[in-house]
C-alpha atoms as a PDB file:
ATOM      1  CA  MET A   1       5.627 -39.423  42.403  1.00  0.00           C
ATOM      2  CA  THR A   2       3.434 -36.987  40.110  1.00  0.00           C
ATOM      3  CA  PRO A   3       5.677 -34.206  38.922  1.00  0.00           C
ATOM      4  CA  ALA A   4       4.270 -30.679  40.016  1.00  0.00           C
ATOM      5  CA  ASP A   5       2.132 -28.421  37.653  1.00  0.00           C
ATOM      6  CA  PRO A   6       4.263 -25.907  36.348  1.00  0.00           C
ATOM      7  CA  ALA A   7       1.540 -23.697  35.923  1.00  0.00           C
ATOM      8  CA  ALA A   8       0.475 -23.562  39.435  1.00  0.00           C
ATOM      9  CA  GLY A   9       3.155 -21.173  40.881  1.00  0.00           C
ATOM     10  CA  ILE A  10       2.229 -18.535  37.775  1.00  0.00           C
ATOM     11  CA  VAL A  11      -1.071 -18.751  39.084  1.00  0.00           C
ATOM     12  CA  ASP A  12      -0.307 -18.252  42.550  1.00  0.00           C
ATOM     13  CA  LYS A  13       2.041 -15.287  41.756  1.00  0.00           C
ATOM     14  CA  VAL A  14      -0.549 -14.232  39.517  1.00  0.00           C
ATOM     15  CA  ASP A  15      -3.432 -13.907  42.022  1.00  0.00           C
ATOM     16  CA  LYS A  16      -1.090 -11.644  44.423  1.00  0.00           C
ATOM     17  CA  ILE A  17      -1.039  -9.232  41.605  1.00  0.00           C
ATOM     18  CA  ASP A  18      -2.856  -5.805  42.487  1.00  0.00           C
ATOM     19  CA  LYS A  19      -5.390  -6.169  39.777  1.00  0.00           C
ATOM     20  CA  ASP A  20      -6.807  -3.202  40.748  1.00  0.00           C
ATOM     21  CA  ALA A  21      -3.650  -1.199  40.383  1.00  0.00           C
ATOM     22  CA  ALA A  22      -2.252  -2.845  37.472  1.00  0.00           C
ATOM     23  CA  LEU A  23      -5.437  -1.491  35.549  1.00  0.00           C
ATOM     24  CA  GLU A  24      -5.269   1.654  36.900  1.00  0.00           C
ATOM     25  CA  THR A  25      -1.375   2.418  35.553  1.00  0.00           C
ATOM     26  CA  ALA A  26      -2.817   1.351  32.176  1.00  0.00           C
ATOM     27  CA  ARG A  27      -5.566   3.417  32.370  1.00  0.00           C
ATOM     28  CA  HIS A  28      -2.940   6.207  33.095  1.00  0.00           C
ATOM     29  CA  VAL A  29      -0.878   5.598  30.374  1.00  0.00           C
ATOM     30  CA  LEU A  30      -3.668   5.700  27.643  1.00  0.00           C
ATOM     31  CA  GLU A  31      -4.674   8.698  29.074  1.00  0.00           C
ATOM     32  CA  ALA A  32      -1.773  10.974  29.220  1.00  0.00           C
ATOM     33  CA  GLU A  33      -0.903   9.667  25.544  1.00  0.00           C
ATOM     34  CA  ALA A  34      -3.879  10.551  24.245  1.00  0.00           C
ATOM     35  CA  GLU A  35      -4.005  13.855  26.077  1.00  0.00           C
ATOM     36  CA  SER A  36      -0.586  14.070  24.583  1.00  0.00           C
ATOM     37  CA  ILE A  37      -2.059  13.886  20.889  1.00  0.00           C
ATOM     38  CA  LEU A  38      -4.968  16.281  21.443  1.00  0.00           C
ATOM     39  CA  LYS A  39      -2.624  18.656  22.739  1.00  0.00           C
ATOM     40  CA  LEU A  40      -1.094  18.575  19.504  1.00  0.00           C
ATOM     41  CA  LYS A  41      -4.129  19.789  17.534  1.00  0.00           C
ATOM     42  CA  ASP A  42      -4.094  23.684  19.438  1.00  0.00           C
ATOM     43  CA  ARG A  43      -0.163  24.010  18.043  1.00  0.00           C
ATOM     44  CA  LEU A  44      -0.984  23.374  14.132  1.00  0.00           C
ATOM     45  CA  GLY A  45      -0.516  26.383  12.475  1.00  0.00           C
ATOM     46  CA  GLU A  46       2.099  28.684  10.417  1.00  0.00           C
ATOM     47  CA  ASN A  47       5.275  25.974  11.322  1.00  0.00           C
ATOM     48  CA  PHE A  48       2.996  23.365  10.494  1.00  0.00           C
ATOM     49  CA  LEU A  49       2.122  24.415   6.635  1.00  0.00           C
ATOM     50  CA  ARG A  50       5.969  25.815   6.340  1.00  0.00           C
ATOM     51  CA  ALA A  51       6.727  22.282   6.717  1.00  0.00           C
ATOM     52  CA  LEU A  52       4.254  20.815   4.665  1.00  0.00           C
ATOM     53  CA  SER A  53       5.402  23.238   1.910  1.00  0.00           C
ATOM     54  CA  LEU A  54       9.188  22.325   2.805  1.00  0.00           C
ATOM     55  CA  ALA A  55       8.292  18.616   2.600  1.00  0.00           C
ATOM     56  CA  ALA A  56       6.157  19.358  -0.756  1.00  0.00           C
ATOM     57  CA  SER A  57       8.926  21.066  -2.759  1.00  0.00           C
ATOM     58  CA  CYS A  58      11.717  18.385  -1.721  1.00  0.00           C
ATOM     59  CA  LYS A  59      12.647  16.997  -4.814  1.00  0.00           C
ATOM     60  CA  GLY A  60      14.717  14.113  -3.627  1.00  0.00           C
ATOM     61  CA  ARG A  61      14.250  12.142  -0.631  1.00  0.00           C
ATOM     62  CA  ILE A  62      13.006  12.911   3.063  1.00  0.00           C
ATOM     63  CA  ALA A  63      16.014  11.393   5.792  1.00  0.00           C
ATOM     64  CA  VAL A  64      14.158  11.084   9.139  1.00  0.00           C
ATOM     65  CA  ILE A  65      17.126  11.353  11.341  1.00  0.00           C
ATOM     66  CA  GLY A  66      17.014  10.099  15.125  1.00  0.00           C
ATOM     67  CA  LEU A  67      18.628   8.330  17.569  1.00  0.00           C
ATOM     68  CA  GLY A  68      17.343   5.337  20.574  1.00  0.00           C
ATOM     69  CA  LYS A  69      13.547   5.499  20.727  1.00  0.00           C
ATOM     70  CA  SER A  70      13.286   8.181  19.012  1.00  0.00           C
ATOM     71  CA  GLY A  71      14.987   6.626  15.864  1.00  0.00           C
ATOM     72  CA  ILE A  72      12.337   3.770  16.047  1.00  0.00           C
ATOM     73  CA  ILE A  73       9.993   6.545  15.956  1.00  0.00           C
ATOM     74  CA  CYS A  74      11.458   7.797  12.473  1.00  0.00           C
ATOM     75  CA  LYS A  75      11.429   4.473  11.214  1.00  0.00           C
ATOM     76  CA  LYS A  76       8.139   4.325  11.253  1.00  0.00           C
ATOM     77  CA  ILE A  77       7.279   8.025  10.237  1.00  0.00           C
ATOM     78  CA  ALA A  78      10.182   7.428   6.813  1.00  0.00           C
ATOM     79  CA  ALA A  79       8.342   4.386   6.154  1.00  0.00           C
ATOM     80  CA  THR A  80       4.548   6.127   6.389  1.00  0.00           C
ATOM     81  CA  PHE A  81       6.179   8.682   4.307  1.00  0.00           C
ATOM     82  CA  SER A  82       7.396   6.183   1.718  1.00  0.00           C
ATOM     83  CA  SER A  83       4.402   4.194   1.669  1.00  0.00           C
ATOM     84  CA  THR A  84       2.181   7.242   0.697  1.00  0.00           C
ATOM     85  CA  GLY A  85       4.091   8.641  -2.075  1.00  0.00           C
ATOM     86  CA  THR A  86       7.291  10.171  -0.639  1.00  0.00           C
ATOM     87  CA  PRO A  87      10.389   8.498  -1.000  1.00  0.00           C
ATOM     88  CA  ALA A  88      12.128   8.701   2.486  1.00  0.00           C
ATOM     89  CA  PHE A  89      14.344   6.243   4.894  1.00  0.00           C
ATOM     90  CA  PHE A  90      15.395   6.607   8.316  1.00  0.00           C
ATOM     91  CA  LEU A  91      19.150   7.950   8.998  1.00  0.00           C
ATOM     92  CA  HIS A  92      20.726   6.631  12.433  1.00  0.00           C
ATOM     93  CA  ALA A  93      22.344  10.032  14.078  1.00  0.00           C
ATOM     94  CA  ALA A  94      25.366   7.551  15.262  1.00  0.00           C
ATOM     95  CA  ASP A  95      25.925   5.882  12.239  1.00  0.00           C
ATOM     96  CA  ALA A  96      25.535   9.029  10.001  1.00  0.00           C
ATOM     97  CA  LEU A  97      28.684  10.691  12.150  1.00  0.00           C
ATOM     98  CA  HIS A  98      30.699   7.556  10.997  1.00  0.00           C
ATOM     99  CA  GLY A  99      29.790   7.660   6.924  1.00  0.00           C
ATOM    100  CA  ASP A 100      26.269   7.558   6.520  1.00  0.00           C
ATOM    101  CA  CYS A 101      26.019  11.178   5.832  1.00  0.00           C
ATOM    102  CA  GLY A 102      27.079  10.056   2.247  1.00  0.00           C
ATOM    103  CA  ILE A 103      23.750   9.236   1.572  1.00  0.00           C
ATOM    104  CA  LEU A 104      22.126  12.394   1.518  1.00  0.00           C
ATOM    105  CA  THR A 105      22.415  14.266  -1.599  1.00  0.00           C
ATOM    106  CA  PRO A 106      21.434  18.318  -2.389  1.00  0.00           C
ATOM    107  CA  ASP A 107      17.715  17.456  -3.277  1.00  0.00           C
ATOM    108  CA  ASP A 108      16.996  15.768   0.102  1.00  0.00           C
ATOM    109  CA  LEU A 109      14.892  17.098   2.972  1.00  0.00           C
ATOM    110  CA  ALA A 110      15.919  16.221   6.471  1.00  0.00           C
ATOM    111  CA  ILE A 111      13.120  15.436   9.520  1.00  0.00           C
ATOM    112  CA  ALA A 112      15.574  15.208  12.846  1.00  0.00           C
ATOM    113  CA  VAL A 113      13.407  13.868  15.783  1.00  0.00           C
ATOM    114  CA  SER A 114      14.812  14.520  19.691  1.00  0.00           C
ATOM    115  CA  LYS A 115      12.744  15.023  22.686  1.00  0.00           C
ATOM    116  CA  SER A 116      15.327  17.596  24.613  1.00  0.00           C
ATOM    117  CA  GLY A 117      16.870  18.907  20.846  1.00  0.00           C
ATOM    118  CA  GLU A 118      20.185  18.588  22.212  1.00  0.00           C
ATOM    119  CA  THR A 119      21.115  14.765  21.587  1.00  0.00           C
ATOM    120  CA  ALA A 120      24.933  15.784  20.380  1.00  0.00           C
ATOM    121  CA  GLU A 121      24.738  12.626  17.617  1.00  0.00           C
ATOM    122  CA  ILE A 122      21.565  14.639  15.953  1.00  0.00           C
ATOM    123  CA  ILE A 123      23.262  17.810  16.365  1.00  0.00           C
ATOM    124  CA  GLY A 124      26.870  17.068  14.713  1.00  0.00           C
ATOM    125  CA  VAL A 125      24.412  15.464  11.917  1.00  0.00           C
ATOM    126  CA  LEU A 126      22.812  18.466  11.011  1.00  0.00           C
ATOM    127  CA  GLU A 127      26.357  20.222  10.797  1.00  0.00           C
ATOM    128  CA  VAL A 128      26.704  18.206   7.846  1.00  0.00           C
ATOM    129  CA  VAL A 129      23.128  18.529   6.501  1.00  0.00           C
ATOM    130  CA  LYS A 130      23.974  22.934   6.759  1.00  0.00           C
ATOM    131  CA  ARG A 131      26.564  22.495   4.992  1.00  0.00           C
ATOM    132  CA  LEU A 132      24.538  20.478   2.170  1.00  0.00           C
ATOM    133  CA  SER A 133      21.980  23.186   2.178  1.00  0.00           C
ATOM    134  CA  LEU A 134      19.381  20.819   3.077  1.00  0.00           C
ATOM    135  CA  PRO A 135      16.002  22.408   4.595  1.00  0.00           C
ATOM    136  CA  ILE A 136      15.692  21.106   8.228  1.00  0.00           C
ATOM    137  CA  ILE A 137      12.414  20.290   9.975  1.00  0.00           C
ATOM    138  CA  ALA A 138      12.245  19.626  13.672  1.00  0.00           C
ATOM    139  CA  LEU A 139      10.372  17.252  15.749  1.00  0.00           C
ATOM    140  CA  SER A 140      11.380  18.414  19.022  1.00  0.00           C
ATOM    141  CA  GLY A 141       9.638  18.345  22.569  1.00  0.00           C
ATOM    142  CA  ASN A 142      11.606  21.609  23.265  1.00  0.00           C
ATOM    143  CA  PRO A 143      11.044  24.609  21.085  1.00  0.00           C
ATOM    144  CA  ALA A 144      13.656  26.853  22.404  1.00  0.00           C
ATOM    145  CA  SER A 145      16.386  23.639  21.741  1.00  0.00           C
ATOM    146  CA  THR A 146      19.775  23.501  19.651  1.00  0.00           C
ATOM    147  CA  LEU A 147      17.907  21.586  17.387  1.00  0.00           C
ATOM    148  CA  SER A 148      14.910  24.007  16.741  1.00  0.00           C
ATOM    149  CA  ARG A 149      17.193  26.854  16.104  1.00  0.00           C
ATOM    150  CA  TYR A 150      19.154  24.810  13.500  1.00  0.00           C
ATOM    151  CA  ALA A 151      15.959  23.865  11.691  1.00  0.00           C
ATOM    152  CA  ASP A 152      14.382  25.724   9.132  1.00  0.00           C
ATOM    153  CA  VAL A 153      10.897  25.097  10.974  1.00  0.00           C
ATOM    154  CA  CYS A 154      10.493  23.399  14.415  1.00  0.00           C
ATOM    155  CA  LEU A 155       6.974  21.512  15.076  1.00  0.00           C
ATOM    156  CA  ASP A 156       6.261  21.898  19.244  1.00  0.00           C
ATOM    157  CA  VAL A 157       5.869  17.607  20.119  1.00  0.00           C
ATOM    158  CA  SER A 158       6.482  18.590  23.771  1.00  0.00           C
ATOM    159  CA  VAL A 159       4.262  16.921  26.469  1.00  0.00           C
ATOM    160  CA  THR A 160       3.467  17.394  30.024  1.00  0.00           C
ATOM    161  CA  GLU A 161       4.524  14.367  31.205  1.00  0.00           C
ATOM    162  CA  GLU A 162       5.537  10.784  30.532  1.00  0.00           C
ATOM    163  CA  ALA A 163       3.005   8.182  30.953  1.00  0.00           C
ATOM    164  CA  GLY A 164       3.890   5.519  33.342  1.00  0.00           C
ATOM    165  CA  PRO A 165       6.014   5.034  37.123  1.00  0.00           C
ATOM    166  CA  PHE A 166       8.183   7.806  37.721  1.00  0.00           C
ATOM    167  CA  GLY A 167       7.752   9.807  34.469  1.00  0.00           C
ATOM    168  CA  LEU A 168      11.161   8.239  32.663  1.00  0.00           C
ATOM    169  CA  ALA A 169      10.779   6.123  30.144  1.00  0.00           C
ATOM    170  CA  PRO A 170       9.964   7.717  26.644  1.00  0.00           C
ATOM    171  CA  THR A 171       5.866   6.998  26.321  1.00  0.00           C
ATOM    172  CA  SER A 172       3.865  10.277  25.723  1.00  0.00           C
ATOM    173  CA  SER A 173       6.930  11.929  23.704  1.00  0.00           C
ATOM    174  CA  THR A 174       7.873   9.516  21.428  1.00  0.00           C
ATOM    175  CA  THR A 175       3.551   8.774  21.001  1.00  0.00           C
ATOM    176  CA  ALA A 176       3.216  12.654  20.294  1.00  0.00           C
ATOM    177  CA  ALA A 177       6.353  12.645  17.577  1.00  0.00           C
ATOM    178  CA  LEU A 178       4.530   9.935  15.788  1.00  0.00           C
ATOM    179  CA  ALA A 179       1.665  11.345  15.565  1.00  0.00           C
ATOM    180  CA  MET A 180       2.731  14.595  14.304  1.00  0.00           C
ATOM    181  CA  GLY A 181       4.754  12.840  11.791  1.00  0.00           C
ATOM    182  CA  ASP A 182       1.624  10.770  10.280  1.00  0.00           C
ATOM    183  CA  ALA A 183      -0.361  14.048  10.357  1.00  0.00           C
ATOM    184  CA  LEU A 184       2.548  15.498   8.088  1.00  0.00           C
ATOM    185  CA  ALA A 185       2.879  12.513   5.788  1.00  0.00           C
ATOM    186  CA  MET A 186      -0.983  12.439   5.475  1.00  0.00           C
ATOM    187  CA  ALA A 187      -1.340  16.243   4.623  1.00  0.00           C
ATOM    188  CA  LEU A 188       1.620  15.563   1.971  1.00  0.00           C
ATOM    189  CA  MET A 189       0.074  12.912   0.998  1.00  0.00           C
ATOM    190  CA  GLU A 190      -3.637  14.713   0.397  1.00  0.00           C
ATOM    191  CA  ARG A 191      -1.232  17.613  -1.018  1.00  0.00           C
ATOM    192  CA  ARG A 192       0.157  15.562  -3.846  1.00  0.00           C
ATOM    193  CA  ARG A 193      -3.680  13.876  -4.613  1.00  0.00           C
ATOM    194  CA  PHE A 194      -1.925  10.549  -3.806  1.00  0.00           C
ATOM    195  CA  GLY A 195      -4.850   8.742  -4.443  1.00  0.00           C
ATOM    196  CA  ARG A 196      -6.342   4.925  -3.572  1.00  0.00           C
ATOM    197  CA  GLU A 197      -4.948   3.345  -7.029  1.00  0.00           C
ATOM    198  CA  ASP A 198      -1.878   5.039  -6.386  1.00  0.00           C
ATOM    199  CA  PHE A 199      -1.661   3.275  -3.049  1.00  0.00           C
ATOM    200  CA  ALA A 200      -2.378   0.306  -4.340  1.00  0.00           C
ATOM    201  CA  SER A 201       0.258   0.548  -7.154  1.00  0.00           C
ATOM    202  CA  VAL A 202       2.658   0.490  -4.078  1.00  0.00           C
ATOM    203  CA  HIS A 203       0.878  -2.261  -1.751  1.00  0.00           C
ATOM    204  CA  PRO A 204       0.602  -5.235  -4.312  1.00  0.00           C
ATOM    205  CA  ALA A 205       0.364  -7.739  -1.734  1.00  0.00           C
ATOM    206  CA  GLY A 206      -2.095  -5.634   0.444  1.00  0.00           C
ATOM    207  CA  SER A 207      -5.486  -6.677   0.648  1.00  0.00           C
ATOM    208  CA  LEU A 208      -6.288  -3.057  -1.150  1.00  0.00           C
ATOM    209  CA  GLY A 209      -3.850  -3.579  -3.692  1.00  0.00           C
ATOM    210  CA  LYS A 210      -5.761  -6.545  -4.852  1.00  0.00           C
ATOM    211  CA  LYS A 211      -8.777  -4.906  -4.753  1.00  0.00           C
ATOM    212  CA  LEU A 212      -7.892  -1.973  -7.419  1.00  0.00           C
ATOM    213  CA  LEU A 213      -6.553  -4.568  -9.622  1.00  0.00           C
ATOM    214  CA  ARG A 214      -7.058  -4.514 -13.163  1.00  0.00           C
ATOM    215  CA  VAL A 215      -8.616  -6.872 -15.545  1.00  0.00           C
ATOM    216  CA  ALA A 216      -5.076  -6.303 -17.266  1.00  0.00           C
ATOM    217  CA  ASP A 217      -3.260  -7.382 -14.533  1.00  0.00           C
ATOM    218  CA  LEU A 218      -5.218 -10.910 -14.154  1.00  0.00           C
ATOM    219  CA  MET A 219      -6.446 -11.398 -17.627  1.00  0.00           C
ATOM    220  CA  HIS A 220      -4.904 -14.111 -20.300  1.00  0.00           C
ATOM    221  CA  GLY A 221      -2.864 -12.365 -23.205  1.00  0.00           C
ATOM    222  CA  GLY A 222      -0.288 -12.922 -25.985  1.00  0.00           C
ATOM    223  CA  GLU A 223       0.035 -16.532 -26.919  1.00  0.00           C
ATOM    224  CA  ARG A 224      -2.536 -17.572 -24.261  1.00  0.00           C
ATOM    225  CA  ILE A 225      -5.552 -16.046 -26.178  1.00  0.00           C
ATOM    226  CA  PRO A 226      -7.839 -18.916 -27.496  1.00  0.00           C
ATOM    227  CA  ARG A 227      -8.181 -17.414 -30.845  1.00  0.00           C
ATOM    228  CA  VAL A 228      -9.341 -18.496 -34.417  1.00  0.00           C
ATOM    229  CA  LEU A 229     -10.507 -17.200 -37.889  1.00  0.00           C
ATOM    230  CA  PRO A 230     -13.881 -16.826 -38.571  1.00  0.00           C
ATOM    231  CA  ASP A 231     -12.886 -19.730 -41.408  1.00  0.00           C
ATOM    232  CA  ALA A 232     -11.280 -22.322 -39.162  1.00  0.00           C
ATOM    233  CA  ALA A 233     -12.471 -25.586 -39.116  1.00  0.00           C
ATOM    234  CA  MET A 234     -14.589 -26.993 -36.131  1.00  0.00           C
ATOM    235  CA  SER A 235     -11.684 -29.366 -35.191  1.00  0.00           C
ATOM    236  CA  GLY A 236      -9.427 -26.765 -35.111  1.00  0.00           C
ATOM    237  CA  VAL A 237     -11.954 -24.548 -32.963  1.00  0.00           C
ATOM    238  CA  ILE A 238     -12.293 -27.732 -30.415  1.00  0.00           C
ATOM    239  CA  TYR A 239      -8.433 -27.771 -30.463  1.00  0.00           C
ATOM    240  CA  GLU A 240      -7.937 -24.068 -29.560  1.00  0.00           C
ATOM    241  CA  MET A 241     -10.642 -24.844 -26.458  1.00  0.00           C
ATOM    242  CA  SER A 242      -8.857 -28.059 -25.169  1.00  0.00           C
ATOM    243  CA  ARG A 243      -5.304 -26.132 -25.910  1.00  0.00           C
ATOM    244  CA  LYS A 244      -6.000 -22.752 -23.907  1.00  0.00           C
ATOM    245  CA  GLY A 245      -8.155 -24.829 -21.051  1.00  0.00           C
ATOM    246  CA  LEU A 246     -11.016 -21.398 -20.873  1.00  0.00           C
ATOM    247  CA  GLY A 247     -13.450 -23.634 -22.056  1.00  0.00           C
ATOM    248  CA  MET A 248     -14.127 -20.938 -24.833  1.00  0.00           C
ATOM    249  CA  THR A 249     -12.529 -18.838 -28.043  1.00  0.00           C
ATOM    250  CA  THR A 250     -12.175 -15.861 -29.474  1.00  0.00           C
ATOM    251  CA  VAL A 251     -13.133 -15.620 -33.323  1.00  0.00           C
ATOM    252  CA  ALA A 252     -11.217 -12.622 -34.900  1.00  0.00           C
ATOM    253  CA  ASP A 253     -10.319 -11.695 -38.296  1.00  0.00           C
ATOM    254  CA  ALA A 254      -7.128 -11.468 -39.664  1.00  0.00           C
ATOM    255  CA  GLY A 255      -6.685  -7.268 -38.002  1.00  0.00           C
ATOM    256  CA  ASN A 256      -7.609  -9.183 -34.562  1.00  0.00           C
ATOM    257  CA  ILE A 257     -10.840  -7.693 -34.796  1.00  0.00           C
ATOM    258  CA  LEU A 258     -13.107  -9.452 -32.322  1.00  0.00           C
ATOM    259  CA  LEU A 259     -16.471 -11.039 -34.433  1.00  0.00           C
ATOM    260  CA  GLY A 260     -18.016 -13.398 -31.695  1.00  0.00           C
ATOM    261  CA  VAL A 261     -17.116 -16.185 -29.547  1.00  0.00           C
ATOM    262  CA  ILE A 262     -17.324 -19.946 -29.421  1.00  0.00           C
ATOM    263  CA  SER A 263     -17.868 -21.073 -25.733  1.00  0.00           C
ATOM    264  CA  ASP A 264     -18.721 -25.200 -24.276  1.00  0.00           C
ATOM    265  CA  GLY A 265     -22.287 -24.056 -24.580  1.00  0.00           C
ATOM    266  CA  ASP A 266     -22.091 -22.941 -27.891  1.00  0.00           C
ATOM    267  CA  LEU A 267     -20.580 -26.207 -28.481  1.00  0.00           C
ATOM    268  CA  ARG A 268     -23.581 -28.449 -27.382  1.00  0.00           C
ATOM    269  CA  ARG A 269     -26.369 -26.617 -28.859  1.00  0.00           C
ATOM    270  CA  LEU A 270     -24.427 -26.980 -31.938  1.00  0.00           C
ATOM    271  CA  LEU A 271     -24.213 -31.194 -31.378  1.00  0.00           C
ATOM    272  CA  GLU A 272     -27.900 -30.918 -30.420  1.00  0.00           C
ATOM    273  CA  LYS A 273     -28.769 -29.581 -33.698  1.00  0.00           C
ATOM    274  CA  SER A 274     -26.898 -31.110 -36.085  1.00  0.00           C
ATOM    275  CA  PRO A 275     -25.460 -34.365 -36.676  1.00  0.00           C
ATOM    276  CA  ASP A 276     -22.676 -33.400 -38.262  1.00  0.00           C
ATOM    277  CA  PRO A 277     -21.130 -30.191 -36.334  1.00  0.00           C
ATOM    278  CA  LEU A 278     -17.369 -30.434 -37.804  1.00  0.00           C
ATOM    279  CA  ARG A 279     -18.966 -28.989 -41.267  1.00  0.00           C
ATOM    280  CA  PHE A 280     -19.474 -25.865 -39.952  1.00  0.00           C
ATOM    281  CA  THR A 281     -16.872 -23.241 -39.454  1.00  0.00           C
ATOM    282  CA  ALA A 282     -16.270 -21.156 -36.776  1.00  0.00           C
ATOM    283  CA  GLU A 283     -18.207 -17.979 -37.796  1.00  0.00           C
ATOM    284  CA  GLN A 284     -21.140 -20.335 -38.417  1.00  0.00           C
ATOM    285  CA  ALA A 285     -20.790 -21.551 -34.762  1.00  0.00           C
ATOM    286  CA  MET A 286     -19.762 -18.862 -33.065  1.00  0.00           C
ATOM    287  CA  SER A 287     -22.027 -16.289 -31.231  1.00  0.00           C
ATOM    288  CA  PRO A 288     -22.015 -12.887 -32.254  1.00  0.00           C
ATOM    289  CA  ASN A 289     -21.582  -9.404 -30.262  1.00  0.00           C
ATOM    290  CA  PRO A 290     -20.013 -11.467 -27.356  1.00  0.00           C
ATOM    291  CA  ARG A 291     -19.669  -9.424 -23.403  1.00  0.00           C
ATOM    292  CA  THR A 292     -16.797  -7.453 -23.347  1.00  0.00           C
ATOM    293  CA  ILE A 293     -14.655  -5.511 -20.854  1.00  0.00           C
ATOM    294  CA  GLY A 294     -11.839  -3.075 -21.172  1.00  0.00           C
ATOM    295  CA  GLY A 295      -8.513  -3.657 -19.791  1.00  0.00           C
ATOM    296  CA  ASP A 296      -8.446  -0.612 -17.558  1.00  0.00           C
ATOM    297  CA  GLU A 297     -11.414  -1.996 -15.941  1.00  0.00           C
ATOM    298  CA  LEU A 298     -11.427  -3.134 -12.084  1.00  0.00           C
ATOM    299  CA  ALA A 299     -11.069  -6.864 -11.892  1.00  0.00           C
ATOM    300  CA  SER A 300     -14.412  -6.713  -9.422  1.00  0.00           C
ATOM    301  CA  ALA A 301     -16.117  -5.327 -12.372  1.00  0.00           C
ATOM    302  CA  ALA A 302     -15.117  -7.504 -14.073  1.00  0.00           C
ATOM    303  CA  LEU A 303     -16.628 -10.181 -11.713  1.00  0.00           C
ATOM    304  CA  ALA A 304     -20.086  -8.136 -11.428  1.00  0.00           C
ATOM    305  CA  LYS A 305     -20.344  -8.431 -14.939  1.00  0.00           C
ATOM    306  CA  MET A 306     -20.075 -12.178 -15.348  1.00  0.00           C
ATOM    307  CA  GLU A 307     -22.390 -12.850 -12.357  1.00  0.00           C
ATOM    308  CA  ALA A 308     -24.822 -10.702 -13.582  1.00  0.00           C
ATOM    309  CA  MET A 309     -24.566 -12.493 -17.042  1.00  0.00           C
ATOM    310  CA  LYS A 310     -24.172 -15.536 -15.643  1.00  0.00           C
ATOM    311  CA  ILE A 311     -21.006 -16.693 -17.647  1.00  0.00           C
ATOM    312  CA  THR A 312     -17.747 -17.404 -16.851  1.00  0.00           C
ATOM    313  CA  SER A 313     -15.602 -15.425 -18.970  1.00  0.00           C
ATOM    314  CA  LEU A 314     -14.955 -11.932 -21.071  1.00  0.00           C
ATOM    315  CA  VAL A 315     -13.477 -11.171 -23.683  1.00  0.00           C
ATOM    316  CA  VAL A 316     -11.104  -8.410 -23.361  1.00  0.00           C
ATOM    317  CA  VAL A 317     -10.846  -5.683 -26.006  1.00  0.00           C
ATOM    318  CA  ASP A 318      -9.015  -2.244 -26.621  1.00  0.00           C
ATOM    319  CA  ASP A 319     -11.227   0.531 -28.005  1.00  0.00           C
ATOM    320  CA  THR A 320     -10.949  -0.410 -31.622  1.00  0.00           C
ATOM    321  CA  ARG A 321     -12.561  -4.249 -30.610  1.00  0.00           C
ATOM    322  CA  ARG A 322      -8.911  -5.696 -31.012  1.00  0.00           C
ATOM    323  CA  VAL A 323      -8.783  -8.474 -28.445  1.00  0.00           C
ATOM    324  CA  THR A 324      -6.470  -7.893 -25.883  1.00  0.00           C
ATOM    325  CA  GLY A 325      -7.000 -10.920 -23.992  1.00  0.00           C
ATOM    326  CA  VAL A 326      -9.190 -12.959 -21.937  1.00  0.00           C
ATOM    327  CA  ILE A 327     -10.229 -12.990 -17.991  1.00  0.00           C
ATOM    328  CA  HIS A 328     -11.998 -16.207 -17.047  1.00  0.00           C
ATOM    329  CA  ILE A 329     -13.743 -16.305 -13.382  1.00  0.00           C
ATOM    330  CA  HIS A 330     -11.211 -18.560 -11.881  1.00  0.00           C
ATOM    331  CA  ASP A 331      -8.729 -15.602 -12.285  1.00  0.00           C
ATOM    332  CA  LEU A 332     -10.547 -13.574  -9.878  1.00  0.00           C
ATOM    333  CA  TRP A 333     -11.144 -16.189  -7.310  1.00  0.00           C
ATOM    334  CA  ARG A 334      -7.579 -17.087  -7.483  1.00  0.00           C
ATOM    335  CA  THR A 335      -6.953 -13.838  -5.622  1.00  0.00           C
ATOM    336  CA  GLY A 336      -8.692 -15.057  -2.603  1.00  0.00           C
ATOM    337  CA  LEU A 337     -11.014 -11.515  -2.472  1.00  0.00           C
ATOM    338  CA  PHE A 338     -14.455 -12.606  -4.427  1.00  0.00           C
END
């Protein structure tokens, strides 16, 4: 007996769904949530600027306080602040009433999120926050609420309706609160001049962080630098090149000032023109005035130089031409971005 296809019943059920109604519900949800965000634009003004000033003057961290679905939104708001230069954390209102308020310091600032503005646990936490004399920013759907009165400034995130059947599940309201939190975080990021390099420093594993890697982050430094003195015998040069495995060596004086480089290509050319290449010194065999790059330059700039000059490595030097490292094209390829 052939077993029944388990997918057949599912397909039959799906076929019975009123597809037009499902799509219409989805469209309505998206339209309602989009409208809730667009209406926030008209409410931006002095209150938003006051909230921005409070956040900018915070010397500690931002505690984003919420409960339930609003609490989930608070986690995202806190994460956005932290990733854009402002240390922040989520404080669960119920947990805060049972000891977690101890995490607050006198230098912190509180952002409380509540649609009704009357959530008992949040009001309870704000009584503690008030005793600590911390500034409070409210994101509330009710500007006349207890939360709004507690706050130093209230940002109105009220919505006309919750998207979805019956208007019961928090949808438009949480979307509006999230959007306002993002707006505040981005305005604060700009005010603090938190740039691309700063962003990369707190996102080292992200693609932007990798694109903004510096030469110094990838180069071979210290004992890994292939290096010989100008009077070194060619046997020593070959040993150093083999030992460091970069297909080249720098030639530097006793003060580590770069004089030249010897590459695999230089060795081949030396073999072609001399029956006894080992009689030469490093200075006699080197290519003087090699291509260099600074450690603070972008790794992408190093790759561009190598490709333009058809070479596989660059010597990294400081302003006095002291050797600080060597970057090889394989070091760049290993990042996975080139």
